[in-house]
PDB file of N, CA and C in Angstrom:
ATOM      1  N   MET A   1     -33.878  50.649-234.093  1.00  0.00           N
ATOM      2  CA  MET A   1     -33.375  49.401-234.651  1.00  0.00           C
ATOM      3  C   MET A   1     -34.002  49.184-236.025  1.00  0.00           C
ATOM      4  N   SER A   2     -33.259  48.554-236.881  1.00  0.00           N
ATOM      5  CA  SER A   2     -33.762  48.314-238.229  1.00  0.00           C
ATOM      6  C   SER A   2     -34.757  47.154-238.255  1.00  0.00           C
ATOM      7  N   LYS A   3     -35.642  47.217-239.245  1.00  0.00           N
ATOM      8  CA  LYS A   3     -36.639  46.162-239.426  1.00  0.00           C
ATOM      9  C   LYS A   3     -35.941  44.889-239.911  1.00  0.00           C
ATOM     10  N   ILE A   4     -36.393  43.756-239.418  1.00  0.00           N
ATOM     11  CA  ILE A   4     -35.842  42.467-239.830  1.00  0.00           C
ATOM     12  C   ILE A   4     -36.789  41.861-240.869  1.00  0.00           C
ATOM     13  N   LYS A   5     -36.228  41.398-241.986  1.00  0.00           N
ATOM     14  CA  LYS A   5     -37.050  40.836-243.053  1.00  0.00           C
ATOM     15  C   LYS A   5     -37.513  39.411-242.744  1.00  0.00           C
ATOM     16  N   LYS A   6     -38.663  39.078-243.303  1.00  0.00           N
ATOM     17  CA  LYS A   6     -39.191  37.710-243.216  1.00  0.00           C
ATOM     18  C   LYS A   6     -38.136  36.739-243.734  1.00  0.00           C
ATOM     19  N   GLY A   7     -37.972  35.626-243.028  1.00  0.00           N
ATOM     20  CA  GLY A   7     -37.015  34.603-243.440  1.00  0.00           C
ATOM     21  C   GLY A   7     -35.623  34.773-242.857  1.00  0.00           C
ATOM     22  N   THR A   8     -35.359  35.904-242.196  1.00  0.00           N
ATOM     23  CA  THR A   8     -34.045  36.158-241.602  1.00  0.00           C
ATOM     24  C   THR A   8     -33.843  35.261-240.384  1.00  0.00           C
ATOM     25  N   LEU A   9     -32.670  34.669-240.295  1.00  0.00           N
ATOM     26  CA  LEU A   9     -32.312  33.878-239.120  1.00  0.00           C
ATOM     27  C   LEU A   9     -31.771  34.815-238.051  1.00  0.00           C
ATOM     28  N   CYS A  10     -32.192  34.584-236.817  1.00  0.00           N
ATOM     29  CA  CYS A  10     -31.781  35.425-235.688  1.00  0.00           C
ATOM     30  C   CYS A  10     -31.428  34.547-234.506  1.00  0.00           C
ATOM     31  N   ILE A  11     -30.717  35.149-233.576  1.00  0.00           N
ATOM     32  CA  ILE A  11     -30.455  34.509-232.301  1.00  0.00           C
ATOM     33  C   ILE A  11     -31.196  35.314-231.244  1.00  0.00           C
ATOM     34  N   ILE A  12     -31.788  34.632-230.289  1.00  0.00           N
ATOM     35  CA  ILE A  12     -32.498  35.303-229.209  1.00  0.00           C
ATOM     36  C   ILE A  12     -31.465  35.773-228.182  1.00  0.00           C
ATOM     37  N   ILE A  13     -31.494  37.087-227.885  1.00  0.00           N
ATOM     38  CA  ILE A  13     -30.523  37.661-226.953  1.00  0.00           C
ATOM     39  C   ILE A  13     -31.185  38.245-225.708  1.00  0.00           C
ATOM     40  N   GLY A  14     -32.492  38.114-225.580  1.00  0.00           N
ATOM     41  CA  GLY A  14     -33.186  38.659-224.417  1.00  0.00           C
ATOM     42  C   GLY A  14     -34.512  37.956-224.220  1.00  0.00           C
ATOM     43  N   GLY A  15     -35.137  38.238-223.101  1.00  0.00           N
ATOM     44  CA  GLY A  15     -36.429  37.625-222.813  1.00  0.00           C
ATOM     45  C   GLY A  15     -36.285  36.475-221.842  1.00  0.00           C
ATOM     46  N   CYS A  16     -37.059  35.439-222.056  1.00  0.00           N
ATOM     47  CA  CYS A  16     -37.037  34.269-221.169  1.00  0.00           C
ATOM     48  C   CYS A  16     -35.625  33.677-221.137  1.00  0.00           C
ATOM     49  N   PRO A  17     -35.021  33.552-219.968  1.00  0.00           N
ATOM     50  CA  PRO A  17     -33.630  33.105-219.876  1.00  0.00           C
ATOM     51  C   PRO A  17     -33.327  31.789-220.584  1.00  0.00           C
ATOM     52  N   GLU A  18     -34.240  30.834-220.533  1.00  0.00           N
ATOM     53  CA  GLU A  18     -33.971  29.529-221.148  1.00  0.00           C
ATOM     54  C   GLU A  18     -34.040  29.572-222.671  1.00  0.00           C
ATOM     55  N   ASN A  19     -34.550  30.668-223.251  1.00  0.00           N
ATOM     56  CA  ASN A  19     -34.612  30.790-224.707  1.00  0.00           C
ATOM     57  C   ASN A  19     -33.409  31.539-225.281  1.00  0.00           C
ATOM     58  N   ILE A  20     -32.640  32.198-224.427  1.00  0.00           N
ATOM     59  CA  ILE A  20     -31.487  32.962-224.900  1.00  0.00           C
ATOM     60  C   ILE A  20     -30.497  32.012-225.570  1.00  0.00           C
ATOM     61  N   GLY A  21     -30.081  32.410-226.762  1.00  0.00           N
ATOM     62  CA  GLY A  21     -29.145  31.598-227.536  1.00  0.00           C
ATOM     63  C   GLY A  21     -29.810  30.730-228.581  1.00  0.00           C
ATOM     64  N   MET A  22     -31.137  30.630-228.557  1.00  0.00           N
ATOM     65  CA  MET A  22     -31.845  29.811-229.548  1.00  0.00           C
ATOM     66  C   MET A  22     -31.818  30.506-230.908  1.00  0.00           C
ATOM     67  N   LEU A  23     -31.695  29.699-231.950  1.00  0.00           N
ATOM     68  CA  LEU A  23     -31.774  30.212-233.314  1.00  0.00           C
ATOM     69  C   LEU A  23     -33.217  30.135-233.795  1.00  0.00           C
ATOM     70  N   VAL A  24     -33.692  31.231-234.369  1.00  0.00           N
ATOM     71  CA  VAL A  24     -35.072  31.315-234.841  1.00  0.00           C
ATOM     72  C   VAL A  24     -35.108  31.965-236.217  1.00  0.00           C
ATOM     73  N   GLU A  25     -36.256  31.840-236.872  1.00  0.00           N
ATOM     74  CA  GLU A  25     -36.483  32.476-238.165  1.00  0.00           C
ATOM     75  C   GLU A  25     -37.643  33.460-238.013  1.00  0.00           C
ATOM     76  N   VAL A  26     -37.499  34.632-238.635  1.00  0.00           N
ATOM     77  CA  VAL A  26     -38.576  35.617-238.608  1.00  0.00           C
ATOM     78  C   VAL A  26     -39.667  35.167-239.576  1.00  0.00           C
ATOM     79  N   VAL A  27     -40.887  35.036-239.059  1.00  0.00           N
ATOM     80  CA  VAL A  27     -42.047  34.661-239.870  1.00  0.00           C
ATOM     81  C   VAL A  27     -42.715  35.916-240.414  1.00  0.00           C
ATOM     82  N   ALA A  28     -42.828  36.952-239.551  1.00  0.00           N
ATOM     83  CA  ALA A  28     -43.485  38.187-239.967  1.00  0.00           C
ATOM     84  C   ALA A  28     -43.125  39.329-239.034  1.00  0.00           C
ATOM     85  N   HIS A  29     -43.097  40.531-239.592  1.00  0.00           N
ATOM     86  CA  HIS A  29     -42.960  41.740-238.786  1.00  0.00           C
ATOM     87  C   HIS A  29     -44.372  42.220-238.492  1.00  0.00           C
ATOM     88  N   LEU A  30     -44.738  42.294-237.225  1.00  0.00           N
ATOM     89  CA  LEU A  30     -46.093  42.656-236.832  1.00  0.00           C
ATOM     90  C   LEU A  30     -46.227  44.134-236.476  1.00  0.00           C
ATOM     91  N   GLY A  31     -45.111  44.802-236.190  1.00  0.00           N
ATOM     92  CA  GLY A  31     -45.172  46.195-235.763  1.00  0.00           C
ATOM     93  C   GLY A  31     -45.790  46.288-234.386  1.00  0.00           C
ATOM     94  N   ARG A  32     -46.645  47.290-234.175  1.00  0.00           N
ATOM     95  CA  ARG A  32     -47.353  47.423-232.891  1.00  0.00           C
ATOM     96  C   ARG A  32     -48.327  46.266-232.750  1.00  0.00           C
ATOM     97  N   HIS A  33     -48.178  45.521-231.654  1.00  0.00           N
ATOM     98  CA  HIS A  33     -49.024  44.332-231.492  1.00  0.00           C
ATOM     99  C   HIS A  33     -49.154  43.975-230.018  1.00  0.00           C
ATOM    100  N   ASP A  34     -50.358  43.924-229.540  1.00  0.00           N
ATOM    101  CA  ASP A  34     -50.644  43.430-228.186  1.00  0.00           C
ATOM    102  C   ASP A  34     -49.756  44.079-227.120  1.00  0.00           C
ATOM    103  N   GLY A  35     -49.641  45.388-227.167  1.00  0.00           N
ATOM    104  CA  GLY A  35     -48.854  46.114-226.183  1.00  0.00           C
ATOM    105  C   GLY A  35     -47.369  46.213-226.485  1.00  0.00           C
ATOM    106  N   ARG A  36     -46.931  45.636-227.562  1.00  0.00           N
ATOM    107  CA  ARG A  36     -45.516  45.701-227.949  1.00  0.00           C
ATOM    108  C   ARG A  36     -45.329  46.798-228.991  1.00  0.00           C
ATOM    109  N   GLU A  37     -44.216  47.515-228.903  1.00  0.00           N
ATOM    110  CA  GLU A  37     -43.924  48.597-229.848  1.00  0.00           C
ATOM    111  C   GLU A  37     -43.523  48.062-231.224  1.00  0.00           C
ATOM    112  N   ASP A  38     -42.680  47.035-231.240  1.00  0.00           N
ATOM    113  CA  ASP A  38     -42.139  46.511-232.502  1.00  0.00           C
ATOM    114  C   ASP A  38     -42.044  44.991-232.395  1.00  0.00           C
ATOM    115  N   ALA A  39     -43.145  44.310-232.687  1.00  0.00           N
ATOM    116  CA  ALA A  39     -43.238  42.863-232.486  1.00  0.00           C
ATOM    117  C   ALA A  39     -42.913  42.076-233.755  1.00  0.00           C
ATOM    118  N   TYR A  40     -42.416  40.871-233.529  1.00  0.00           N
ATOM    119  CA  TYR A  40     -42.111  39.927-234.599  1.00  0.00           C
ATOM    120  C   TYR A  40     -42.675  38.563-234.256  1.00  0.00           C
ATOM    121  N   GLU A  41     -43.212  37.892-235.256  1.00  0.00           N
ATOM    122  CA  GLU A  41     -43.569  36.488-235.101  1.00  0.00           C
ATOM    123  C   GLU A  41     -42.335  35.704-235.504  1.00  0.00           C
ATOM    124  N   ILE A  42     -41.935  34.765-234.661  1.00  0.00           N
ATOM    125  CA  ILE A  42     -40.747  33.958-234.928  1.00  0.00           C
ATOM    126  C   ILE A  42     -41.083  32.483-234.774  1.00  0.00           C
ATOM    127  N   LYS A  43     -40.233  31.635-235.347  1.00  0.00           N
ATOM    128  CA  LYS A  43     -40.389  30.192-235.157  1.00  0.00           C
ATOM    129  C   LYS A  43     -39.014  29.573-234.980  1.00  0.00           C
ATOM    130  N   THR A  44     -38.980  28.466-234.258  1.00  0.00           N
ATOM    131  CA  THR A  44     -37.720  27.758-234.077  1.00  0.00           C
ATOM    132  C   THR A  44     -37.328  27.136-235.417  1.00  0.00           C
ATOM    133  N   ILE A  45     -36.039  27.086-235.688  1.00  0.00           N
ATOM    134  CA  ILE A  45     -35.618  26.540-236.982  1.00  0.00           C
ATOM    135  C   ILE A  45     -35.434  25.034-236.939  1.00  0.00           C
ATOM    136  N   THR A  46     -35.431  24.463-235.743  1.00  0.00           N
ATOM    137  CA  THR A  46     -35.241  23.018-235.604  1.00  0.00           C
ATOM    138  C   THR A  46     -36.560  22.268-235.469  1.00  0.00           C
ATOM    139  N   GLY A  47     -37.637  23.014-235.228  1.00  0.00           N
ATOM    140  CA  GLY A  47     -38.914  22.361-234.981  1.00  0.00           C
ATOM    141  C   GLY A  47     -39.129  22.024-233.512  1.00  0.00           C
ATOM    142  N   ARG A  48     -38.091  22.245-232.688  1.00  0.00           N
ATOM    143  CA  ARG A  48     -38.236  22.032-231.240  1.00  0.00           C
ATOM    144  C   ARG A  48     -39.042  23.173-230.646  1.00  0.00           C
ATOM    145  N   LYS A  49     -39.726  22.902-229.563  1.00  0.00           N
ATOM    146  CA  LYS A  49     -40.526  23.931-228.898  1.00  0.00           C
ATOM    147  C   LYS A  49     -39.616  24.882-228.123  1.00  0.00           C
ATOM    148  N   PHE A  50     -40.086  26.117-227.939  1.00  0.00           N
ATOM    149  CA  PHE A  50     -39.343  27.062-227.118  1.00  0.00           C
ATOM    150  C   PHE A  50     -39.226  26.500-225.708  1.00  0.00           C
ATOM    151  N   ASN A  51     -38.111  26.794-225.048  1.00  0.00           N
ATOM    152  CA  ASN A  51     -37.877  26.284-223.694  1.00  0.00           C
ATOM    153  C   ASN A  51     -38.828  26.899-222.674  1.00  0.00           C
ATOM    154  N   GLN A  52     -39.144  28.178-222.841  1.00  0.00           N
ATOM    155  CA  GLN A  52     -40.042  28.880-221.924  1.00  0.00           C
ATOM    156  C   GLN A  52     -40.942  29.803-222.731  1.00  0.00           C
ATOM    157  N   MET A  53     -42.162  29.979-222.270  1.00  0.00           N
ATOM    158  CA  MET A  53     -43.089  30.920-222.899  1.00  0.00           C
ATOM    159  C   MET A  53     -44.023  31.467-221.826  1.00  0.00           C
ATOM    160  N   TRP A  54     -44.529  32.653-222.080  1.00  0.00           N
ATOM    161  CA  TRP A  54     -45.529  33.225-221.180  1.00  0.00           C
ATOM    162  C   TRP A  54     -46.891  32.688-221.560  1.00  0.00           C
ATOM    163  N   ARG A  55     -47.614  32.218-220.591  1.00  0.00           N
ATOM    164  CA  ARG A  55     -49.009  31.820-220.769  1.00  0.00           C
ATOM    165  C   ARG A  55     -49.780  32.601-219.712  1.00  0.00           C
ATOM    166  N   GLY A  56     -50.445  33.673-220.156  1.00  0.00           N
ATOM    167  CA  GLY A  56     -51.075  34.586-219.212  1.00  0.00           C
ATOM    168  C   GLY A  56     -50.003  35.291-218.412  1.00  0.00           C
ATOM    169  N   THR A  57     -50.020  35.120-217.103  1.00  0.00           N
ATOM    170  CA  THR A  57     -49.020  35.756-216.239  1.00  0.00           C
ATOM    171  C   THR A  57     -47.987  34.759-215.720  1.00  0.00           C
ATOM    172  N   SER A  58     -47.995  33.548-216.260  1.00  0.00           N
ATOM    173  CA  SER A  58     -47.067  32.506-215.803  1.00  0.00           C
ATOM    174  C   SER A  58     -46.051  32.147-216.877  1.00  0.00           C
ATOM    175  N   LEU A  59     -44.829  31.904-216.448  1.00  0.00           N
ATOM    176  CA  LEU A  59     -43.779  31.427-217.334  1.00  0.00           C
ATOM    177  C   LEU A  59     -43.796  29.905-217.276  1.00  0.00           C
ATOM    178  N   VAL A  60     -44.046  29.259-218.420  1.00  0.00           N
ATOM    179  CA  VAL A  60     -44.203  27.809-218.438  1.00  0.00           C
ATOM    180  C   VAL A  60     -43.253  27.174-219.443  1.00  0.00           C
ATOM    181  N   LYS A  61     -43.097  25.866-219.332  1.00  0.00           N
ATOM    182  CA  LYS A  61     -42.310  25.100-220.297  1.00  0.00           C
ATOM    183  C   LYS A  61     -42.913  25.329-221.674  1.00  0.00           C
ATOM    184  N   GLY A  62     -42.074  25.515-222.656  1.00  0.00           N
ATOM    185  CA  GLY A  62     -42.545  25.803-224.007  1.00  0.00           C
ATOM    186  C   GLY A  62     -43.571  24.814-224.511  1.00  0.00           C
ATOM    187  N   PHE A  63     -44.546  25.309-225.235  1.00  0.00           N
ATOM    188  CA  PHE A  63     -45.612  24.470-225.777  1.00  0.00           C
ATOM    189  C   PHE A  63     -45.829  24.739-227.258  1.00  0.00           C
ATOM    190  N   SER A  64     -44.941  25.544-227.858  1.00  0.00           N
ATOM    191  CA  SER A  64     -45.125  25.921-229.254  1.00  0.00           C
ATOM    192  C   SER A  64     -43.775  26.139-229.934  1.00  0.00           C
ATOM    193  N   THR A  65     -43.765  26.018-231.248  1.00  0.00           N
ATOM    194  CA  THR A  65     -42.570  26.321-232.043  1.00  0.00           C
ATOM    195  C   THR A  65     -42.649  27.733-232.603  1.00  0.00           C
ATOM    196  N   VAL A  66     -43.769  28.426-232.351  1.00  0.00           N
ATOM    197  CA  VAL A  66     -43.988  29.780-232.849  1.00  0.00           C
ATOM    198  C   VAL A  66     -44.249  30.693-231.658  1.00  0.00           C
ATOM    199  N   ALA A  67     -43.727  31.931-231.741  1.00  0.00           N
ATOM    200  CA  ALA A  67     -43.925  32.889-230.654  1.00  0.00           C
ATOM    201  C   ALA A  67     -43.914  34.307-231.211  1.00  0.00           C
ATOM    202  N   ILE A  68     -44.316  35.237-230.386  1.00  0.00           N
ATOM    203  CA  ILE A  68     -44.236  36.658-230.718  1.00  0.00           C
ATOM    204  C   ILE A  68     -43.280  37.279-229.720  1.00  0.00           C
ATOM    205  N   THR A  69     -42.346  38.086-230.233  1.00  0.00           N
ATOM    206  CA  THR A  69     -41.342  38.698-229.363  1.00  0.00           C
ATOM    207  C   THR A  69     -41.059  40.126-229.815  1.00  0.00           C
ATOM    208  N   ASP A  70     -40.282  40.827-229.005  1.00  0.00           N
ATOM    209  CA  ASP A  70     -39.889  42.200-229.302  1.00  0.00           C
ATOM    210  C   ASP A  70     -38.617  42.233-230.145  1.00  0.00           C
ATOM    211  N   ARG A  71     -38.501  43.264-230.955  1.00  0.00           N
ATOM    212  CA  ARG A  71     -37.337  43.419-231.839  1.00  0.00           C
ATOM    213  C   ARG A  71     -36.028  43.428-231.054  1.00  0.00           C
ATOM    214  N   HIS A  72     -35.999  44.117-229.916  1.00  0.00           N
ATOM    215  CA  HIS A  72     -34.744  44.249-229.181  1.00  0.00           C
ATOM    216  C   HIS A  72     -34.251  42.931-228.571  1.00  0.00           C
ATOM    217  N   LYS A  73     -35.056  41.892-228.628  1.00  0.00           N
ATOM    218  CA  LYS A  73     -34.647  40.582-228.108  1.00  0.00           C
ATOM    219  C   LYS A  73     -34.049  39.695-229.196  1.00  0.00           C
ATOM    220  N   LEU A  74     -33.955  40.229-230.422  1.00  0.00           N
ATOM    221  CA  LEU A  74     -33.447  39.455-231.560  1.00  0.00           C
ATOM    222  C   LEU A  74     -32.187  40.082-232.133  1.00  0.00           C
ATOM    223  N   ARG A  75     -31.220  39.262-232.475  1.00  0.00           N
ATOM    224  CA  ARG A  75     -30.034  39.728-233.202  1.00  0.00           C
ATOM    225  C   ARG A  75     -29.958  38.935-234.506  1.00  0.00           C
ATOM    226  N   PRO A  76     -30.161  39.627-235.637  1.00  0.00           N
ATOM    227  CA  PRO A  76     -30.077  38.937-236.931  1.00  0.00           C
ATOM    228  C   PRO A  76     -28.674  38.388-237.166  1.00  0.00           C
ATOM    229  N   LEU A  77     -28.603  37.225-237.816  1.00  0.00           N
ATOM    230  CA  LEU A  77     -27.318  36.657-238.208  1.00  0.00           C
ATOM    231  C   LEU A  77     -26.953  37.273-239.559  1.00  0.00           C
ATOM    232  N   GLU A  78     -25.764  37.769-239.679  1.00  0.00           N
ATOM    233  CA  GLU A  78     -25.345  38.432-240.906  1.00  0.00           C
ATOM    234  C   GLU A  78     -24.816  37.414-241.906  1.00  0.00           C
ATOM    235  N   ASP A  79     -25.334  37.477-243.120  1.00  0.00           N
ATOM    236  CA  ASP A  79     -24.876  36.635-244.222  1.00  0.00           C
ATOM    237  C   ASP A  79     -24.826  35.161-243.872  1.00  0.00           C
ATOM    238  N   GLY A  80     -25.701  34.711-242.979  1.00  0.00           N
ATOM    239  CA  GLY A  80     -25.760  33.297-242.637  1.00  0.00           C
ATOM    240  C   GLY A  80     -24.615  32.817-241.774  1.00  0.00           C
ATOM    241  N   GLU A  81     -23.771  33.726-241.291  1.00  0.00           N
ATOM    242  CA  GLU A  81     -22.644  33.344-240.443  1.00  0.00           C
ATOM    243  C   GLU A  81     -23.141  32.938-239.062  1.00  0.00           C
ATOM    244  N   PRO A  82     -22.487  31.997-238.419  1.00  0.00           N
ATOM    245  CA  PRO A  82     -22.890  31.647-237.060  1.00  0.00           C
ATOM    246  C   PRO A  82     -22.626  32.812-236.123  1.00  0.00           C
ATOM    247  N   PRO A  83     -23.373  32.900-235.025  1.00  0.00           N
ATOM    248  CA  PRO A  83     -23.195  34.010-234.093  1.00  0.00           C
ATOM    249  C   PRO A  83     -21.834  33.968-233.421  1.00  0.00           C
ATOM    250  N   ASN A  84     -21.340  35.132-233.038  1.00  0.00           N
ATOM    251  CA  ASN A  84     -20.083  35.247-232.323  1.00  0.00           C
ATOM    252  C   ASN A  84     -20.326  34.854-230.867  1.00  0.00           C
ATOM    253  N   SER A  85     -19.749  33.760-230.435  1.00  0.00           N
ATOM    254  CA  SER A  85     -20.027  33.252-229.094  1.00  0.00           C
ATOM    255  C   SER A  85     -19.563  34.216-228.006  1.00  0.00           C
ATOM    256  N   GLU A  86     -18.519  35.013-228.272  1.00  0.00           N
ATOM    257  CA  GLU A  86     -18.073  35.985-227.278  1.00  0.00           C
ATOM    258  C   GLU A  86     -19.149  37.027-227.028  1.00  0.00           C
ATOM    259  N   LEU A  87     -19.833  37.468-228.089  1.00  0.00           N
ATOM    260  CA  LEU A  87     -20.898  38.444-227.935  1.00  0.00           C
ATOM    261  C   LEU A  87     -22.055  37.852-227.142  1.00  0.00           C
ATOM    262  N   LEU A  88     -22.354  36.588-227.360  1.00  0.00           N
ATOM    263  CA  LEU A  88     -23.445  35.954-226.631  1.00  0.00           C
ATOM    264  C   LEU A  88     -23.144  35.907-225.143  1.00  0.00           C
ATOM    265  N   VAL A  89     -21.920  35.593-224.783  1.00  0.00           N
ATOM    266  CA  VAL A  89     -21.543  35.548-223.379  1.00  0.00           C
ATOM    267  C   VAL A  89     -21.708  36.932-222.774  1.00  0.00           C
ATOM    268  N   GLU A  90     -21.260  37.978-223.491  1.00  0.00           N
ATOM    269  CA  GLU A  90     -21.407  39.347-222.991  1.00  0.00           C
ATOM    270  C   GLU A  90     -22.876  39.694-222.824  1.00  0.00           C
ATOM    271  N   ASP A  91     -23.714  39.351-223.800  1.00  0.00           N
ATOM    272  CA  ASP A  91     -25.139  39.647-223.721  1.00  0.00           C
ATOM    273  C   ASP A  91     -25.766  38.965-222.511  1.00  0.00           C
ATOM    274  N   LYS A  92     -25.451  37.703-222.278  1.00  0.00           N
ATOM    275  CA  LYS A  92     -26.035  36.979-221.145  1.00  0.00           C
ATOM    276  C   LYS A  92     -25.568  37.607-219.833  1.00  0.00           C
ATOM    277  N   GLU A  93     -24.286  37.982-219.755  1.00  0.00           N
ATOM    278  CA  GLU A  93     -23.793  38.609-218.534  1.00  0.00           C
ATOM    279  C   GLU A  93     -24.506  39.915-218.259  1.00  0.00           C
ATOM    280  N   LEU A  94     -24.741  40.708-219.310  1.00  0.00           N
ATOM    281  CA  LEU A  94     -25.466  41.962-219.143  1.00  0.00           C
ATOM    282  C   LEU A  94     -26.896  41.711-218.674  1.00  0.00           C
ATOM    283  N   LEU A  95     -27.534  40.711-219.230  1.00  0.00           N
ATOM    284  CA  LEU A  95     -28.922  40.432-218.867  1.00  0.00           C
ATOM    285  C   LEU A  95     -29.070  39.960-217.430  1.00  0.00           C
ATOM    286  N   PHE A  96     -28.154  39.128-216.992  1.00  0.00           N
ATOM    287  CA  PHE A  96     -28.313  38.529-215.677  1.00  0.00           C
ATOM    288  C   PHE A  96     -27.624  39.301-214.556  1.00  0.00           C
ATOM    289  N   ASN A  97     -26.819  40.300-214.902  1.00  0.00           N
ATOM    290  CA  ASN A  97     -26.118  41.068-213.876  1.00  0.00           C
ATOM    291  C   ASN A  97     -26.663  42.493-213.740  1.00  0.00           C
ATOM    292  N   THR A  98     -27.817  42.760-214.339  1.00  0.00           N
ATOM    293  CA  THR A  98     -28.392  44.106-214.217  1.00  0.00           C
ATOM    294  C   THR A  98     -29.628  44.090-213.362  1.00  0.00           C
TER     295      THR A  98
END
């Protein structure tokens, strides 16, 4: 997968189910980080906290507007266009039916 530049808007397509579909901005490309092959620091673009986050080994209600995630869980928005809702439905179906 290609590297995502700082400032790029993305949609979350994987990971914590309640975060799928959220729009975020890339803060930094971290590369190998804390056991992740290709990590990114991201933040919510609305200032709202993430719906779910890992705290140790527990999945809890979001407590931060900033998180670290894997590259494969992000889909960059091209040229600032809104995401294709049909693709999002397909992505969610793939995630929850596998």
